[in-house]
Amino acid sequence: MQQFYRCDDPQAPLVRLRATDEQPPSARLFVSPYDTDARFSTTREMDWTGYKVHLSETCEDETPNLVTQVLTTPATTPDSAVTARIHAALEQRGLLPGEHYLDAGYVDGTVMVESRRDYGVEVVGPLSRDPSWQARIAGGVTQNQFVIDWNAQRARCPEGVSSQSWNEERDKEGKRVVVVQFPEAACGGCGRVEQCTKAKRPRRTLTLRPREQYEAIQAGRAQQQTSAFRHRYRRRAGIEGSFSQGNSRSDLRHARYWGLAKVHLQHILTAVALNLYRALAWLAEVPRSKTRTSAFARLMALPLDVVCS
């Protein structure tokens, strides 16, 4: 039913392959008759069929880094959708951390607010950049340039114009948002209208997340530009070594079985093996490996007179 279409038109072929736009979305599309849990996904330059594994581990300075949580999902599951599941599983076993260092895909305004509110966990990770077209052009009027008065339910643009309307709505995913619109007369006569809006009727519209999420995003984006944040976030580099170690020692990247349940069991056994190896190495006082520095980075670190001699 997903791949073929039966046509009742006598002038057309009885059965034909479905076009891409006639097939279900990737999260529901079967890609293998043998493994109906597997899904096709693409991330930047890499595409694959199968699953995702999400590893959580300790990152203390004086103890071995041990994997504390393993979650296996279909390949199409967004990373940000599993952060709460990871925290719930860690809480159930009494392993919730005070700070959780996460990759950018796991962090958004909702995750930051709910992690602190529901679990008392401070999420540390980079937020995605402003995706708007205004943020990609010189002189663009971005959302963070507007002054938001949540109590008065009013916004003010960089040119000093106040908003005309403030409405609470739902976006396409059903999440609560605040839609703010500015007066057309003021926007149409503004000298920066081309850097602010592309609407046929020139009036700027802002779509804001609820207050807690909006303020968390703005504060997070400002903080991640500081050297203190970059220094703090270095602690997360160890988890990349875990994936590398899992791939080299246990072929973590390749599923040996069919079905989500069996693949998850494979991931758990791999994590157990990594923990055993690391515990033995720590008892034997084997020093930790350091993050590899590329040849180009080592060259750039040399004194200038050495490089130019």
Protein backbone atom coordinates (compact mmCIF):
# COMPACT_ATOMS: atom_id res chain seq x y z
CA MET A 1 0.00 0.00 0.00
CA GLN A 2 2.90 2.40 0.67
CA GLN A 3 4.82 1.63 -2.53
CA PHE A 4 2.12 0.87 -5.12
CA TYR A 5 -1.12 2.44 -6.23
CA ARG A 6 -4.04 0.52 -7.70
CA CYS A 7 -5.85 2.58 -10.32
CA ASP A 8 -9.52 2.07 -11.24
CA ASP A 9 -9.19 4.03 -14.49
CA PRO A 10 -9.45 1.51 -17.38
CA GLN A 11 -7.27 3.78 -19.53
CA ALA A 12 -4.40 3.68 -17.01
CA PRO A 13 -2.20 0.80 -15.81
CA LEU A 14 -3.90 -1.29 -13.14
CA VAL A 15 -0.94 -0.96 -10.74
CA ARG A 16 1.81 1.63 -10.70
CA LEU A 17 4.54 2.77 -8.31
CA ARG A 18 3.61 5.69 -6.12
CA ALA A 19 5.38 8.98 -6.73
CA THR A 20 7.45 10.39 -3.87
CA ASP A 21 4.78 12.92 -2.89
CA GLU A 22 2.19 10.10 -2.69
CA GLN A 23 4.17 8.10 -0.12
CA PRO A 24 3.87 8.48 3.67
CA PRO A 25 6.32 10.74 5.54
CA SER A 26 9.69 9.22 6.40
CA ALA A 27 8.69 8.50 10.00
CA ARG A 28 5.98 6.10 8.75
CA LEU A 29 7.51 4.84 5.51
CA PHE A 30 8.68 1.20 5.44
CA VAL A 31 12.10 0.96 3.78
CA SER A 32 12.67 -2.76 4.24
CA PRO A 33 10.23 -5.71 4.14
CA TYR A 34 12.51 -7.49 6.63
CA ASP A 35 12.78 -4.76 9.27
CA THR A 36 9.60 -2.72 9.51
CA ASP A 37 11.00 -0.64 12.40
CA ALA A 38 13.88 0.74 10.34
CA ARG A 39 13.56 4.20 8.81
CA PHE A 40 15.50 6.27 6.28
CA SER A 41 17.04 9.53 7.48
CA THR A 42 19.45 12.20 6.29
CA THR A 43 21.71 14.38 8.43
CA ARG A 44 23.75 16.94 6.51
CA GLU A 45 26.01 14.91 4.20
CA MET A 46 25.16 11.49 5.65
CA ASP A 47 22.12 9.32 4.98
CA TRP A 48 21.30 5.87 6.34
CA THR A 49 18.55 3.34 6.94
CA GLY A 50 18.00 2.09 10.47
CA TYR A 51 18.10 3.67 13.90
CA LYS A 52 19.70 6.22 16.22
CA VAL A 53 21.46 5.45 19.49
CA HIS A 54 21.59 8.12 22.21
CA LEU A 55 24.27 7.58 24.86
CA SER A 56 24.58 9.41 28.18
CA GLU A 57 27.67 9.08 30.34
CA THR A 58 29.28 10.55 33.43
CA CYS A 59 32.00 13.16 32.89
CA GLU A 60 33.69 13.64 36.26
CA ASP A 61 37.39 14.49 36.39
CA GLU A 62 38.47 11.88 38.96
CA THR A 63 36.36 8.87 37.95
CA PRO A 64 36.00 6.84 34.74
CA ASN A 65 33.37 7.99 32.26
CA LEU A 66 30.65 5.34 32.43
CA VAL A 67 27.57 5.06 30.21
CA THR A 68 24.46 5.59 32.37
CA GLN A 69 21.67 5.60 29.79
CA VAL A 70 21.11 4.03 26.36
CA LEU A 71 18.14 5.00 24.20
CA THR A 72 17.45 3.57 20.73
CA THR A 73 14.98 5.28 18.40
CA PRO A 74 14.05 5.10 14.73
CA ALA A 75 16.39 7.14 12.54
CA THR A 76 13.74 9.80 11.91
CA THR A 77 13.15 10.70 15.58
CA PRO A 78 14.42 14.27 16.26
CA ASP A 79 17.05 14.53 18.98
CA SER A 80 15.12 17.25 20.82
CA ALA A 81 12.17 14.85 21.19
CA VAL A 82 14.12 12.41 23.39
CA THR A 83 15.74 14.71 25.96
CA ALA A 84 12.78 14.44 28.35
CA ARG A 85 12.73 10.63 27.91
CA ILE A 86 16.42 10.47 28.83
CA HIS A 87 15.88 12.57 31.94
CA ALA A 88 12.88 10.47 33.00
CA ALA A 89 14.90 7.25 32.65
CA LEU A 90 17.84 8.71 34.59
CA GLU A 91 15.52 9.94 37.34
CA GLN A 92 13.92 6.50 37.66
CA ARG A 93 17.33 5.00 38.47
CA GLY A 94 18.49 7.88 40.66
CA LEU A 95 21.13 9.02 38.15
CA LEU A 96 19.91 12.51 37.24
CA PRO A 97 22.82 14.95 36.85
CA GLY A 98 22.88 18.52 38.04
CA GLU A 99 24.29 19.59 34.66
CA HIS A 100 23.62 17.82 31.37
CA TYR A 101 25.94 18.63 28.47
CA LEU A 102 24.08 18.11 25.20
CA ASP A 103 24.66 18.40 21.48
CA ALA A 104 22.88 21.23 19.67
CA GLY A 105 20.17 18.91 18.30
CA TYR A 106 18.93 18.11 21.83
CA VAL A 107 18.57 21.71 22.99
CA ASP A 108 15.75 24.17 22.43
CA GLY A 109 13.72 26.56 24.55
CA THR A 110 11.22 23.92 25.63
CA VAL A 111 13.97 21.51 26.69
CA MET A 112 15.78 24.20 28.68
CA VAL A 113 12.68 25.26 30.59
CA GLU A 114 11.15 21.82 31.19
CA SER A 115 14.46 20.19 32.20
CA ARG A 116 14.96 22.72 34.98
CA ARG A 117 11.30 22.79 36.02
CA ASP A 118 10.54 19.06 35.94
CA TYR A 119 13.91 17.51 36.82
CA GLY A 120 16.08 20.27 38.29
CA VAL A 121 18.65 19.72 35.51
CA GLU A 122 20.61 22.58 33.95
CA VAL A 123 20.96 21.92 30.23
CA VAL A 124 24.30 23.06 28.80
CA GLY A 125 24.49 23.09 25.03
CA PRO A 126 24.49 25.40 22.01
CA LEU A 127 21.17 26.60 20.66
CA SER A 128 20.65 26.78 16.92
CA ARG A 129 21.24 30.14 15.33
CA ASP A 130 18.40 32.43 14.32
CA PRO A 131 17.09 30.75 11.12
CA SER A 132 15.34 33.85 9.75
CA TRP A 133 16.41 35.48 6.50
CA GLN A 134 16.92 38.75 8.39
CA ALA A 135 19.77 37.11 10.35
CA ARG A 136 21.54 36.17 7.09
CA ILE A 137 21.74 39.64 5.53
CA ALA A 138 23.73 42.73 6.45
CA GLY A 139 21.64 45.10 8.54
CA GLY A 140 18.75 42.68 8.90
CA VAL A 141 16.21 43.51 11.60
CA THR A 142 16.26 40.32 13.68
CA GLN A 143 13.85 39.30 16.41
CA ASN A 144 16.32 39.90 19.24
CA GLN A 145 16.44 43.62 18.30
CA PHE A 146 12.83 44.08 19.41
CA VAL A 147 12.02 45.02 22.99
CA ILE A 148 9.33 42.70 24.35
CA ASP A 149 7.14 43.93 27.22
CA TRP A 150 5.42 40.74 28.36
CA ASN A 151 3.41 42.40 31.11
CA ALA A 152 1.96 45.05 28.82
CA GLN A 153 1.72 42.56 25.91
CA ARG A 154 3.51 44.94 23.60
CA ALA A 155 6.65 44.94 21.47
CA ARG A 156 8.75 47.85 20.24
CA CYS A 157 10.87 47.70 17.09
CA PRO A 158 14.39 49.19 16.79
CA GLU A 159 12.88 52.30 15.17
CA GLY A 160 10.67 52.94 18.20
CA VAL A 161 7.34 51.79 16.73
CA SER A 162 5.04 49.86 19.09
CA SER A 163 3.11 46.77 18.03
CA GLN A 164 -0.52 46.95 16.98
CA SER A 165 -1.76 43.50 18.07
CA TRP A 166 -0.75 40.67 20.42
CA ASN A 167 -2.49 37.29 20.06
CA GLU A 168 -1.89 33.88 21.61
CA GLU A 169 -2.20 31.12 18.99
CA ARG A 170 -1.00 27.61 18.08
CA ASP A 171 1.62 26.82 15.44
CA LYS A 172 1.49 23.95 12.93
CA GLU A 173 2.78 21.54 15.58
CA GLY A 174 0.15 22.61 18.08
CA LYS A 175 2.59 24.48 20.31
CA ARG A 176 1.64 27.75 21.97
CA VAL A 177 3.02 30.89 20.35
CA VAL A 178 2.43 34.63 20.56
CA VAL A 179 1.86 36.43 17.24
CA VAL A 180 2.72 40.14 17.32
CA GLN A 181 1.94 42.47 14.42
CA PHE A 182 3.04 46.04 13.75
CA PRO A 183 0.97 48.75 12.03
CA GLU A 184 1.14 48.69 8.23
CA ALA A 185 1.26 52.48 7.98
CA ALA A 186 4.38 52.71 10.15
CA CYS A 187 6.16 49.78 8.50
CA GLY A 188 5.41 50.99 4.97
CA GLY A 189 7.03 54.36 5.64
CA CYS A 190 10.07 52.94 7.43
CA GLY A 191 13.48 53.27 5.78
CA ARG A 192 14.46 49.75 6.94
CA VAL A 193 11.40 47.91 5.67
CA GLU A 194 13.42 45.91 3.10
CA GLN A 195 15.66 44.58 5.90
CA CYS A 196 12.65 43.82 8.09
CA THR A 197 9.85 42.16 6.10
CA LYS A 198 9.07 40.68 2.68
CA ALA A 199 5.29 40.77 3.14
CA LYS A 200 3.29 42.18 0.22
CA ARG A 201 1.52 44.41 2.69
CA PRO A 202 4.56 45.82 4.50
CA ARG A 203 4.00 45.05 8.15
CA ARG A 204 6.35 43.12 10.44
CA THR A 205 5.01 40.07 12.24
CA LEU A 206 6.81 38.37 15.15
CA THR A 207 6.10 34.79 16.22
CA LEU A 208 7.30 34.35 19.80
CA ARG A 209 7.52 31.29 22.01
CA PRO A 210 5.97 31.61 25.50
CA ARG A 211 7.83 33.97 27.80
CA GLU A 212 9.94 31.43 29.72
CA GLN A 213 11.11 29.75 26.52
CA TYR A 214 11.75 33.02 24.70
CA GLU A 215 13.84 34.44 27.52
CA ALA A 216 15.74 31.16 27.91
CA ILE A 217 16.59 31.14 24.19
CA GLN A 218 17.74 34.76 24.16
CA ALA A 219 19.88 34.28 27.27
CA GLY A 220 21.30 31.01 25.95
CA ARG A 221 22.28 32.47 22.58
CA ALA A 222 24.00 35.39 24.27
CA GLN A 223 25.85 33.13 26.71
CA GLN A 224 27.14 30.71 24.09
CA GLN A 225 29.05 33.54 22.42
CA THR A 226 31.30 33.92 25.47
CA SER A 227 34.67 32.27 26.01
CA ALA A 228 33.47 31.04 29.42
CA PHE A 229 30.74 28.97 27.77
CA ARG A 230 33.13 27.52 25.18
CA HIS A 231 35.56 26.54 27.93
CA ARG A 232 32.78 24.96 29.98
CA TYR A 233 31.33 23.09 27.01
CA ARG A 234 34.63 21.36 26.29
CA ARG A 235 33.63 18.78 28.89
CA ARG A 236 31.18 17.27 26.39
CA ALA A 237 34.00 16.29 23.98
CA GLY A 238 34.33 12.92 25.73
CA ILE A 239 31.01 11.62 24.41
CA GLU A 240 32.31 11.82 20.85
CA GLY A 241 35.10 9.51 21.98
CA SER A 242 32.46 7.09 23.26
CA PHE A 243 30.87 6.79 19.84
CA SER A 244 34.29 6.37 18.27
CA GLN A 245 35.24 3.70 20.80
CA GLY A 246 31.92 1.94 20.35
CA ASN A 247 32.37 1.89 16.58
CA SER A 248 35.95 0.65 16.64
CA ARG A 249 35.49 -2.00 19.35
CA SER A 250 31.90 -3.15 18.90
CA ASP A 251 30.79 -1.95 15.45
CA LEU A 252 28.19 0.27 17.10
CA ARG A 253 27.30 1.94 13.80
CA HIS A 254 25.91 -1.27 12.24
CA ALA A 255 22.79 -3.09 13.49
CA ARG A 256 23.35 -6.86 13.68
CA TYR A 257 19.67 -7.71 14.10
CA TRP A 258 16.24 -6.77 12.79
CA GLY A 259 13.76 -4.83 14.88
CA LEU A 260 14.01 -1.97 17.37
CA ALA A 261 13.97 -4.22 20.45
CA LYS A 262 16.91 -6.38 19.34
CA VAL A 263 18.93 -3.40 18.10
CA HIS A 264 18.37 -1.71 21.46
CA LEU A 265 19.67 -4.84 23.20
CA GLN A 266 22.77 -4.69 20.99
CA HIS A 267 23.31 -1.08 22.06
CA ILE A 268 22.93 -1.97 25.75
CA LEU A 269 25.47 -4.81 25.46
CA THR A 270 27.87 -2.45 23.71
CA ALA A 271 27.50 0.06 26.55
CA VAL A 272 28.14 -2.66 29.14
CA ALA A 273 31.32 -3.67 27.28
CA LEU A 274 32.51 -0.05 27.17
CA ASN A 275 31.87 0.37 30.90
CA LEU A 276 33.77 -2.81 31.72
CA TYR A 277 36.71 -1.77 29.56
CA ARG A 278 36.81 1.72 31.10
CA ALA A 279 36.51 0.47 34.67
CA LEU A 280 39.40 -1.94 34.18
CA ALA A 281 41.50 0.78 32.53
CA TRP A 282 40.79 3.12 35.46
CA LEU A 283 41.73 0.47 38.03
CA ALA A 284 44.95 -0.17 36.10
CA GLU A 285 45.61 3.61 36.17
CA VAL A 286 45.76 3.83 32.38
CA PRO A 287 45.72 7.55 31.51
CA ARG A 288 42.78 8.83 29.54
CA SER A 289 43.21 9.48 25.86
CA LYS A 290 43.10 13.10 24.83
CA THR A 291 41.13 14.54 21.95
CA ARG A 292 43.22 14.25 18.79
CA THR A 293 44.56 17.51 17.41
CA SER A 294 44.71 17.70 13.63
CA ALA A 295 47.97 18.41 11.83
CA PHE A 296 46.62 21.78 10.67
CA ALA A 297 45.65 22.78 14.23
CA ARG A 298 49.13 21.82 15.49
CA LEU A 299 50.68 23.90 12.72
CA MET A 300 48.57 26.94 13.60
CA ALA A 301 49.67 26.66 17.25
CA LEU A 302 53.36 27.02 16.36
CA PRO A 303 55.11 30.38 16.89
CA LEU A 304 55.00 32.64 13.85
CA ASP A 305 58.79 32.62 13.35
CA VAL A 306 58.75 28.81 13.26
CA VAL A 307 56.02 28.70 10.64
CA CYS A 308 57.68 31.27 8.41
CA SER A 309 61.29 30.09 8.68
